[in-house]
C-alpha atoms as a PDB file:
ATOM      1  CA  MET A   1       3.739  -0.325 -49.859  1.00  0.00           C
ATOM      2  CA  ASP A   2       5.874  -1.799 -47.140  1.00  0.00           C
ATOM      3  CA  GLN A   3       5.609  -0.085 -43.787  1.00  0.00           C
ATOM      4  CA  PRO A   4       8.736   0.848 -41.814  1.00  0.00           C
ATOM      5  CA  PRO A   5       9.333  -0.816 -38.495  1.00  0.00           C
ATOM      6  CA  PRO A   6       7.746   1.025 -35.557  1.00  0.00           C
ATOM      7  CA  VAL A   7       9.863   3.761 -34.044  1.00  0.00           C
ATOM      8  CA  PRO A   8      10.550   3.053 -30.364  1.00  0.00           C
ATOM      9  CA  GLY A   9       8.788   5.623 -28.209  1.00  0.00           C
ATOM     10  CA  VAL A  10       6.826   7.121 -31.125  1.00  0.00           C
ATOM     11  CA  GLU A  11       3.072   7.016 -30.704  1.00  0.00           C
ATOM     12  CA  LEU A  12       1.464   8.359 -33.868  1.00  0.00           C
ATOM     13  CA  GLU A  13      -1.948   7.021 -34.721  1.00  0.00           C
ATOM     14  CA  LEU A  14      -3.055   8.025 -38.196  1.00  0.00           C
ATOM     15  CA  PRO A  15      -6.276   7.227 -40.009  1.00  0.00           C
ATOM     16  CA  ALA A  16      -6.016   4.520 -42.662  1.00  0.00           C
ATOM     17  CA  ALA A  17      -6.959   7.027 -45.378  1.00  0.00           C
ATOM     18  CA  LEU A  18      -4.019   9.251 -44.428  1.00  0.00           C
ATOM     19  CA  THR A  19      -1.508   6.398 -44.366  1.00  0.00           C
ATOM     20  CA  ALA A  20      -2.849   5.296 -47.775  1.00  0.00           C
ATOM     21  CA  GLU A  21      -2.406   8.873 -49.062  1.00  0.00           C
ATOM     22  CA  ILE A  22       1.148   8.953 -47.709  1.00  0.00           C
ATOM     23  CA  ASP A  23       1.905   5.571 -49.300  1.00  0.00           C
ATOM     24  CA  GLU A  24       0.653   6.953 -52.621  1.00  0.00           C
ATOM     25  CA  ILE A  25       2.803  10.082 -52.220  1.00  0.00           C
ATOM     26  CA  VAL A  26       5.915   8.045 -51.446  1.00  0.00           C
ATOM     27  CA  GLY A  27       5.214   5.796 -54.432  1.00  0.00           C
ATOM     28  CA  ARG A  28       5.443   8.768 -56.823  1.00  0.00           C
ATOM     29  CA  TYR A  29       9.163   9.209 -56.198  1.00  0.00           C
ATOM     30  CA  PRO A  30      12.065   7.016 -57.293  1.00  0.00           C
ATOM     31  CA  GLN A  31      13.721   7.609 -53.901  1.00  0.00           C
ATOM     32  CA  LYS A  32      11.648   7.752 -50.714  1.00  0.00           C
ATOM     33  CA  ARG A  33      13.538  10.756 -49.345  1.00  0.00           C
ATOM     34  CA  SER A  34      12.241  12.860 -52.240  1.00  0.00           C
ATOM     35  CA  ALA A  35       8.727  12.593 -50.792  1.00  0.00           C
ATOM     36  CA  ALA A  36       9.679  14.202 -47.468  1.00  0.00           C
ATOM     37  CA  VAL A  37       8.183  17.668 -48.059  1.00  0.00           C
ATOM     38  CA  MET A  38       4.921  16.267 -49.421  1.00  0.00           C
ATOM     39  CA  VAL A  39       4.590  13.761 -46.554  1.00  0.00           C
ATOM     40  CA  LEU A  40       5.193  16.555 -44.038  1.00  0.00           C
ATOM     41  CA  HIS A  41       2.482  18.654 -45.706  1.00  0.00           C
ATOM     42  CA  ALA A  42       0.016  15.757 -45.497  1.00  0.00           C
ATOM     43  CA  LEU A  43       0.788  15.225 -41.809  1.00  0.00           C
ATOM     44  CA  GLN A  44       0.559  18.938 -41.010  1.00  0.00           C
ATOM     45  CA  ASP A  45      -2.768  19.183 -42.843  1.00  0.00           C
ATOM     46  CA  HIS A  46      -4.092  16.373 -40.646  1.00  0.00           C
ATOM     47  CA  LEU A  47      -2.465  17.261 -37.308  1.00  0.00           C
ATOM     48  CA  GLY A  48      -2.467  21.058 -37.604  1.00  0.00           C
ATOM     49  CA  TYR A  49       1.263  21.202 -36.916  1.00  0.00           C
ATOM     50  CA  LEU A  50       4.245  18.843 -36.919  1.00  0.00           C
ATOM     51  CA  THR A  51       4.808  17.168 -33.583  1.00  0.00           C
ATOM     52  CA  PRO A  52       8.152  15.577 -32.685  1.00  0.00           C
ATOM     53  CA  ASP A  53       6.474  12.177 -33.070  1.00  0.00           C
ATOM     54  CA  ALA A  54       5.239  13.116 -36.556  1.00  0.00           C
ATOM     55  CA  MET A  55       8.780  14.064 -37.568  1.00  0.00           C
ATOM     56  CA  GLU A  56      10.180  10.822 -36.102  1.00  0.00           C
ATOM     57  CA  TRP A  57       7.473   8.830 -37.858  1.00  0.00           C
ATOM     58  CA  THR A  58       8.251  10.550 -41.170  1.00  0.00           C
ATOM     59  CA  ALA A  59      11.941   9.781 -40.814  1.00  0.00           C
ATOM     60  CA  ALA A  60      11.175   6.114 -40.155  1.00  0.00           C
ATOM     61  CA  ARG A  61       8.658   5.930 -43.027  1.00  0.00           C
ATOM     62  CA  LEU A  62      11.200   7.384 -45.463  1.00  0.00           C
ATOM     63  CA  GLU A  63      14.118   5.414 -44.011  1.00  0.00           C
ATOM     64  CA  LEU A  64      15.995   8.574 -43.063  1.00  0.00           C
ATOM     65  CA  GLN A  65      17.744   9.784 -39.973  1.00  0.00           C
ATOM     66  CA  PRO A  66      15.445  12.092 -37.969  1.00  0.00           C
ATOM     67  CA  ILE A  67      17.874  15.006 -38.389  1.00  0.00           C
ATOM     68  CA  HIS A  68      17.053  15.108 -42.115  1.00  0.00           C
ATOM     69  CA  ILE A  69      13.386  15.716 -41.321  1.00  0.00           C
ATOM     70  CA  TYR A  70      14.154  18.228 -38.549  1.00  0.00           C
ATOM     71  CA  GLU A  71      16.315  20.170 -41.032  1.00  0.00           C
ATOM     72  CA  LEU A  72      13.371  20.490 -43.430  1.00  0.00           C
ATOM     73  CA  VAL A  73      10.866  21.443 -40.749  1.00  0.00           C
ATOM     74  CA  THR A  74      13.109  24.073 -39.194  1.00  0.00           C
ATOM     75  CA  PHE A  75      14.232  25.517 -42.532  1.00  0.00           C
ATOM     76  CA  TYR A  76      10.912  25.981 -44.334  1.00  0.00           C
ATOM     77  CA  PRO A  77       8.564  28.525 -42.733  1.00  0.00           C
ATOM     78  CA  MET A  78       5.458  26.783 -44.081  1.00  0.00           C
ATOM     79  CA  PHE A  79       5.970  24.020 -41.522  1.00  0.00           C
ATOM     80  CA  ARG A  80       4.691  24.640 -38.010  1.00  0.00           C
ATOM     81  CA  GLN A  81       5.933  23.023 -34.822  1.00  0.00           C
ATOM     82  CA  ARG A  82       3.246  24.584 -32.643  1.00  0.00           C
ATOM     83  CA  PRO A  83      -0.516  24.838 -32.996  1.00  0.00           C
ATOM     84  CA  VAL A  84      -1.913  27.978 -34.571  1.00  0.00           C
ATOM     85  CA  GLY A  85      -5.166  29.773 -33.898  1.00  0.00           C
ATOM     86  CA  ASN A  86      -8.384  29.223 -35.797  1.00  0.00           C
ATOM     87  CA  LEU A  87      -7.544  32.458 -37.607  1.00  0.00           C
ATOM     88  CA  HIS A  88      -3.972  32.353 -38.887  1.00  0.00           C
ATOM     89  CA  LEU A  89      -2.844  35.707 -40.262  1.00  0.00           C
ATOM     90  CA  LYS A  90       0.330  35.651 -42.344  1.00  0.00           C
ATOM     91  CA  VAL A  91       1.593  39.153 -43.103  1.00  0.00           C
ATOM     92  CA  CYS A  92       4.043  39.448 -45.995  1.00  0.00           C
ATOM     93  CA  ARG A  93       7.240  41.223 -44.972  1.00  0.00           C
ATOM     94  CA  THR A  94       9.251  41.285 -48.194  1.00  0.00           C
ATOM     95  CA  LEU A  95      10.307  44.517 -49.847  1.00  0.00           C
ATOM     96  CA  SER A  96       7.276  45.490 -51.911  1.00  0.00           C
ATOM     97  CA  CYS A  97       4.863  44.778 -49.056  1.00  0.00           C
ATOM     98  CA  ALA A  98       7.204  46.440 -46.554  1.00  0.00           C
ATOM     99  CA  LEU A  99       7.268  49.579 -48.694  1.00  0.00           C
ATOM    100  CA  ALA A 100       3.463  49.474 -48.816  1.00  0.00           C
ATOM    101  CA  GLY A 101       3.211  49.313 -45.001  1.00  0.00           C
ATOM    102  CA  SER A 102       3.280  45.649 -43.959  1.00  0.00           C
ATOM    103  CA  HIS A 103       5.507  46.313 -40.944  1.00  0.00           C
ATOM    104  CA  GLN A 104       3.079  48.910 -39.622  1.00  0.00           C
ATOM    105  CA  LEU A 105       0.193  46.533 -40.360  1.00  0.00           C
ATOM    106  CA  HIS A 106       1.882  43.702 -38.458  1.00  0.00           C
ATOM    107  CA  ALA A 107       2.536  46.016 -35.503  1.00  0.00           C
ATOM    108  CA  HIS A 108      -1.110  47.171 -35.577  1.00  0.00           C
ATOM    109  CA  LEU A 109      -2.401  43.589 -35.491  1.00  0.00           C
ATOM    110  CA  CYS A 110      -0.044  42.662 -32.672  1.00  0.00           C
ATOM    111  CA  ARG A 111      -1.012  45.688 -30.578  1.00  0.00           C
ATOM    112  CA  LYS A 112      -4.703  45.074 -31.183  1.00  0.00           C
ATOM    113  CA  LEU A 113      -4.404  41.410 -30.174  1.00  0.00           C
ATOM    114  CA  GLY A 114      -2.061  41.963 -27.220  1.00  0.00           C
ATOM    115  CA  LEU A 115       0.961  40.348 -28.898  1.00  0.00           C
ATOM    116  CA  ASP A 116       4.568  41.513 -28.969  1.00  0.00           C
ATOM    117  CA  PRO A 117       5.212  43.083 -32.395  1.00  0.00           C
ATOM    118  CA  HIS A 118       8.913  42.285 -31.944  1.00  0.00           C
ATOM    119  CA  GLY A 119       8.359  38.635 -31.057  1.00  0.00           C
ATOM    120  CA  HIS A 120      10.105  36.042 -33.147  1.00  0.00           C
ATOM    121  CA  GLY A 121       8.060  33.534 -35.088  1.00  0.00           C
ATOM    122  CA  PRO A 122       4.309  33.066 -35.008  1.00  0.00           C
ATOM    123  CA  GLN A 123       2.470  34.460 -32.024  1.00  0.00           C
ATOM    124  CA  THR A 124      -0.886  33.267 -30.780  1.00  0.00           C
ATOM    125  CA  THR A 125      -3.346  35.099 -28.566  1.00  0.00           C
ATOM    126  CA  GLU A 126      -3.820  33.830 -25.012  1.00  0.00           C
ATOM    127  CA  ASP A 127      -7.202  32.350 -25.920  1.00  0.00           C
ATOM    128  CA  GLY A 128      -5.577  30.466 -28.824  1.00  0.00           C
ATOM    129  CA  ARG A 129      -7.967  31.913 -31.393  1.00  0.00           C
ATOM    130  CA  VAL A 130      -5.637  34.051 -33.547  1.00  0.00           C
ATOM    131  CA  THR A 131      -2.064  33.589 -34.708  1.00  0.00           C
ATOM    132  CA  VAL A 132      -0.133  36.412 -36.380  1.00  0.00           C
ATOM    133  CA  GLU A 133       3.164  35.896 -38.135  1.00  0.00           C
ATOM    134  CA  PHE A 134       5.444  37.576 -40.603  1.00  0.00           C
ATOM    135  CA  VAL A 135       6.174  35.472 -43.676  1.00  0.00           C
ATOM    136  CA  GLU A 136       8.269  35.806 -46.772  1.00  0.00           C
ATOM    137  CA  CYS A 137       6.790  36.681 -50.159  1.00  0.00           C
ATOM    138  CA  LEU A 138       3.174  35.727 -50.764  1.00  0.00           C
ATOM    139  CA  ALA A 139       3.676  36.408 -54.501  1.00  0.00           C
ATOM    140  CA  THR A 140       1.273  39.288 -55.040  1.00  0.00           C
ATOM    141  CA  CYS A 141       3.910  41.990 -54.941  1.00  0.00           C
ATOM    142  CA  GLY A 142       1.907  44.649 -56.767  1.00  0.00           C
ATOM    143  CA  THR A 143      -0.964  44.577 -54.284  1.00  0.00           C
ATOM    144  CA  GLY A 144       0.736  44.954 -50.909  1.00  0.00           C
ATOM    145  CA  PRO A 145       0.500  44.841 -48.103  1.00  0.00           C
ATOM    146  CA  VAL A 146      -0.830  41.318 -48.400  1.00  0.00           C
ATOM    147  CA  VAL A 147      -2.277  39.139 -45.646  1.00  0.00           C
ATOM    148  CA  LEU A 148      -3.084  35.471 -46.023  1.00  0.00           C
ATOM    149  CA  ALA A 149      -5.927  34.782 -43.580  1.00  0.00           C
ATOM    150  CA  ASN A 150      -6.013  30.994 -43.317  1.00  0.00           C
ATOM    151  CA  ASP A 151      -6.057  30.225 -47.055  1.00  0.00           C
ATOM    152  CA  VAL A 152      -7.635  33.459 -48.322  1.00  0.00           C
ATOM    153  CA  PHE A 153      -5.568  36.302 -49.809  1.00  0.00           C
ATOM    154  CA  HIS A 154      -6.341  39.876 -48.804  1.00  0.00           C
ATOM    155  CA  GLU A 155      -4.582  42.586 -50.774  1.00  0.00           C
ATOM    156  CA  HIS A 156      -4.031  46.293 -50.103  1.00  0.00           C
ATOM    157  CA  VAL A 157      -4.695  45.604 -46.413  1.00  0.00           C
ATOM    158  CA  THR A 158      -4.847  48.633 -44.151  1.00  0.00           C
ATOM    159  CA  PRO A 159      -5.214  48.685 -40.378  1.00  0.00           C
ATOM    160  CA  GLY A 160      -8.924  49.364 -40.952  1.00  0.00           C
ATOM    161  CA  THR A 161      -9.424  46.387 -43.267  1.00  0.00           C
ATOM    162  CA  ALA A 162      -7.382  44.227 -40.877  1.00  0.00           C
ATOM    163  CA  ASP A 163      -9.753  45.250 -38.078  1.00  0.00           C
ATOM    164  CA  GLU A 164     -12.652  44.267 -40.336  1.00  0.00           C
ATOM    165  CA  LEU A 165     -11.032  40.838 -40.948  1.00  0.00           C
ATOM    166  CA  LEU A 166     -10.839  40.312 -37.205  1.00  0.00           C
ATOM    167  CA  LYS A 167     -14.425  41.435 -36.748  1.00  0.00           C
ATOM    168  CA  GLN A 168     -15.660  39.059 -39.478  1.00  0.00           C
ATOM    169  CA  ALA A 169     -13.807  36.230 -37.741  1.00  0.00           C
ATOM    170  CA  GLY A 170     -15.595  37.055 -34.487  1.00  0.00           C
ATOM    171  CA  VAL A 171     -12.526  38.498 -32.787  1.00  0.00           C
ATOM    172  CA  SER A 172     -13.419  41.524 -30.713  1.00  0.00           C
ATOM    173  CA  LYS A 173     -10.364  43.184 -29.241  1.00  0.00           C
END
Protein backbone atom coordinates (compact mmCIF):
# COMPACT_ATOMS: atom_id res chain seq x y z
CA MET A 1 0.00 0.00 0.00
CA ASP A 2 1.17 3.50 -0.69
CA GLN A 3 1.75 5.63 2.37
CA PRO A 4 0.37 9.18 2.57
CA PRO A 5 2.80 12.05 2.77
CA PRO A 6 3.80 12.96 6.33
CA VAL A 7 1.50 15.39 8.08
CA PRO A 8 3.40 18.53 9.10
CA GLY A 9 3.62 18.72 12.88
CA VAL A 10 2.24 15.20 13.41
CA GLU A 11 4.54 12.89 15.32
CA LEU A 12 2.96 9.44 15.44
CA GLU A 13 5.31 6.51 15.65
CA LEU A 14 3.54 3.21 15.13
CA PRO A 15 4.96 -0.30 15.16
CA ALA A 16 5.40 -1.89 11.73
CA ALA A 17 2.87 -4.60 12.62
CA LEU A 18 0.21 -1.98 13.32
CA THR A 19 0.85 -0.05 10.11
CA ALA A 20 0.69 -3.37 8.22
CA GLU A 21 -2.64 -4.15 9.94
CA ILE A 22 -3.96 -0.70 9.01
CA ASP A 23 -2.80 -1.15 5.41
CA GLU A 24 -4.68 -4.47 5.31
CA ILE A 25 -7.81 -2.82 6.77
CA VAL A 26 -7.71 -0.01 4.22
CA GLY A 27 -7.22 -2.52 1.42
CA ARG A 28 -10.55 -4.21 2.25
CA TYR A 29 -12.56 -1.19 1.13
CA PRO A 30 -13.15 0.15 -2.37
CA GLN A 31 -12.81 3.71 -1.01
CA LYS A 32 -10.25 4.53 1.68
CA ARG A 33 -12.69 6.69 3.66
CA SER A 34 -14.83 3.62 4.33
CA ALA A 35 -12.05 2.21 6.52
CA ALA A 36 -12.07 5.18 8.92
CA VAL A 37 -13.94 3.55 11.83
CA MET A 38 -11.87 0.37 11.66
CA VAL A 39 -8.58 2.30 11.45
CA LEU A 40 -9.62 4.39 14.46
CA HIS A 41 -10.40 1.21 16.41
CA ALA A 42 -6.97 -0.23 15.58
CA LEU A 43 -5.24 2.97 16.70
CA GLN A 44 -7.29 3.21 19.90
CA ASP A 45 -6.55 -0.43 20.71
CA HIS A 46 -2.84 0.35 20.42
CA LEU A 47 -2.72 3.83 21.98
CA GLY A 48 -5.48 3.44 24.58
CA TYR A 49 -7.26 6.52 23.28
CA LEU A 50 -7.25 8.71 20.17
CA THR A 51 -4.79 11.57 20.38
CA PRO A 52 -5.06 14.62 18.11
CA ASP A 53 -2.00 13.33 16.25
CA ALA A 54 -3.66 9.93 15.74
CA MET A 55 -6.71 11.63 14.25
CA GLU A 56 -4.53 13.81 11.99
CA TRP A 57 -2.54 10.76 10.94
CA THR A 58 -5.74 8.85 10.14
CA ALA A 59 -7.03 11.72 8.02
CA ALA A 60 -3.77 11.83 6.07
CA ARG A 61 -3.67 8.03 5.66
CA LEU A 62 -7.23 7.99 4.29
CA GLU A 63 -6.74 11.16 2.23
CA LEU A 64 -9.48 13.00 4.11
CA GLN A 65 -9.77 16.37 5.72
CA PRO A 66 -9.15 16.09 9.49
CA ILE A 67 -12.67 17.35 10.24
CA HIS A 68 -14.10 14.11 8.81
CA ILE A 69 -12.15 12.09 11.38
CA TYR A 70 -12.96 14.49 14.24
CA GLU A 71 -16.67 14.13 13.37
CA LEU A 72 -16.45 10.35 13.77
CA VAL A 73 -14.46 10.47 16.99
CA THR A 74 -16.74 13.03 18.63
CA PHE A 75 -19.95 11.36 17.45
CA TYR A 76 -19.35 7.73 18.44
CA PRO A 77 -19.06 7.12 22.19
CA MET A 78 -16.83 4.07 21.71
CA PHE A 79 -13.97 6.38 20.77
CA ARG A 80 -12.01 7.97 23.59
CA GLN A 81 -10.03 11.19 23.46
CA ARG A 82 -8.60 10.80 26.95
CA PRO A 83 -6.91 7.92 28.73
CA VAL A 84 -9.08 5.67 30.86
CA GLY A 85 -8.24 3.80 34.02
CA ASN A 86 -7.04 0.22 34.18
CA LEU A 87 -10.60 -0.64 35.21
CA HIS A 88 -13.07 0.94 32.80
CA LEU A 89 -16.66 0.59 34.00
CA LYS A 90 -19.34 1.32 31.41
CA VAL A 91 -22.80 1.50 32.96
CA CYS A 92 -25.72 1.13 30.56
CA ARG A 93 -28.18 4.00 30.86
CA THR A 94 -30.86 3.10 28.33
CA LEU A 95 -34.46 2.51 29.33
CA SER A 96 -34.49 -1.13 30.41
CA CYS A 97 -31.32 -0.74 32.48
CA ALA A 98 -32.52 2.61 33.85
CA LEU A 99 -35.75 0.98 35.00
CA ALA A 100 -33.68 -1.76 36.65
CA GLY A 101 -31.59 0.80 38.59
CA SER A 102 -28.60 1.76 36.43
CA HIS A 103 -28.81 5.44 37.39
CA GLN A 104 -28.65 4.57 41.08
CA LEU A 105 -25.81 2.14 40.35
CA HIS A 106 -23.85 4.81 38.47
CA ALA A 107 -24.37 7.27 41.33
CA HIS A 108 -23.24 4.62 43.84
CA LEU A 109 -20.03 3.94 41.90
CA CYS A 110 -19.30 7.65 41.55
CA ARG A 111 -19.85 8.33 45.25
CA LYS A 112 -17.73 5.35 46.24
CA LEU A 113 -14.88 6.45 43.96
CA GLY A 114 -15.10 10.17 44.75
CA LEU A 115 -16.43 11.15 41.32
CA ASP A 116 -19.21 13.57 40.43
CA PRO A 117 -22.30 11.49 39.52
CA HIS A 118 -23.53 14.44 37.43
CA GLY A 119 -20.29 14.85 35.51
CA HIS A 120 -20.45 14.70 31.75
CA GLY A 121 -18.55 12.00 29.92
CA PRO A 122 -16.16 9.46 31.39
CA GLN A 123 -14.69 10.25 34.77
CA THR A 124 -11.46 8.85 36.11
CA THR A 125 -10.32 8.63 39.72
CA GLU A 126 -7.48 10.90 40.82
CA ASP A 127 -5.07 7.96 40.88
CA GLY A 128 -6.05 7.10 37.29
CA ARG A 129 -6.99 3.53 38.16
CA VAL A 130 -10.77 3.52 37.52
CA THR A 131 -12.94 5.20 34.91
CA VAL A 132 -16.73 5.23 35.20
CA GLU A 133 -19.01 6.30 32.39
CA PHE A 134 -22.59 6.04 31.28
CA VAL A 135 -23.01 4.45 27.86
CA GLU A 136 -25.87 3.69 25.55
CA CYS A 137 -27.31 0.19 25.16
CA LEU A 138 -24.99 -2.72 25.87
CA ALA A 139 -27.53 -5.07 24.23
CA THR A 140 -28.48 -7.27 27.17
CA CYS A 141 -31.72 -5.48 27.93
CA GLY A 142 -33.35 -8.31 29.87
CA THR A 143 -30.55 -8.53 32.43
CA GLY A 144 -30.10 -4.95 33.61
CA PRO A 145 -28.54 -3.10 35.06
CA VAL A 146 -25.54 -4.08 32.99
CA VAL A 147 -21.93 -3.02 33.49
CA LEU A 148 -19.14 -3.68 31.03
CA ALA A 149 -15.95 -3.89 33.10
CA ASN A 150 -13.17 -3.58 30.54
CA ASP A 151 -14.42 -6.25 28.11
CA VAL A 152 -16.41 -8.41 30.55
CA PHE A 153 -20.20 -8.16 30.88
CA HIS A 154 -21.76 -8.15 34.33
CA GLU A 155 -25.53 -8.46 34.47
CA HIS A 156 -28.06 -7.76 37.23
CA VAL A 157 -25.45 -5.56 38.91
CA THR A 158 -26.36 -4.19 42.32
CA PRO A 159 -24.38 -1.75 44.44
CA GLY A 160 -23.12 -4.78 46.38
CA THR A 161 -21.91 -6.64 43.29
CA ALA A 162 -20.38 -3.41 41.98
CA ASP A 163 -18.45 -3.11 45.25
CA GLU A 164 -17.29 -6.70 44.76
CA LEU A 165 -16.10 -5.85 41.21
CA LEU A 166 -14.04 -3.02 42.64
CA LYS A 167 -12.65 -5.24 45.37
CA GLN A 168 -11.67 -7.95 42.85
CA ALA A 169 -9.88 -5.28 40.81
CA GLY A 170 -7.91 -4.24 43.90
CA VAL A 171 -9.74 -0.95 44.35
CA SER A 172 -10.35 -0.23 48.01
CA LYS A 173 -12.43 2.88 48.52
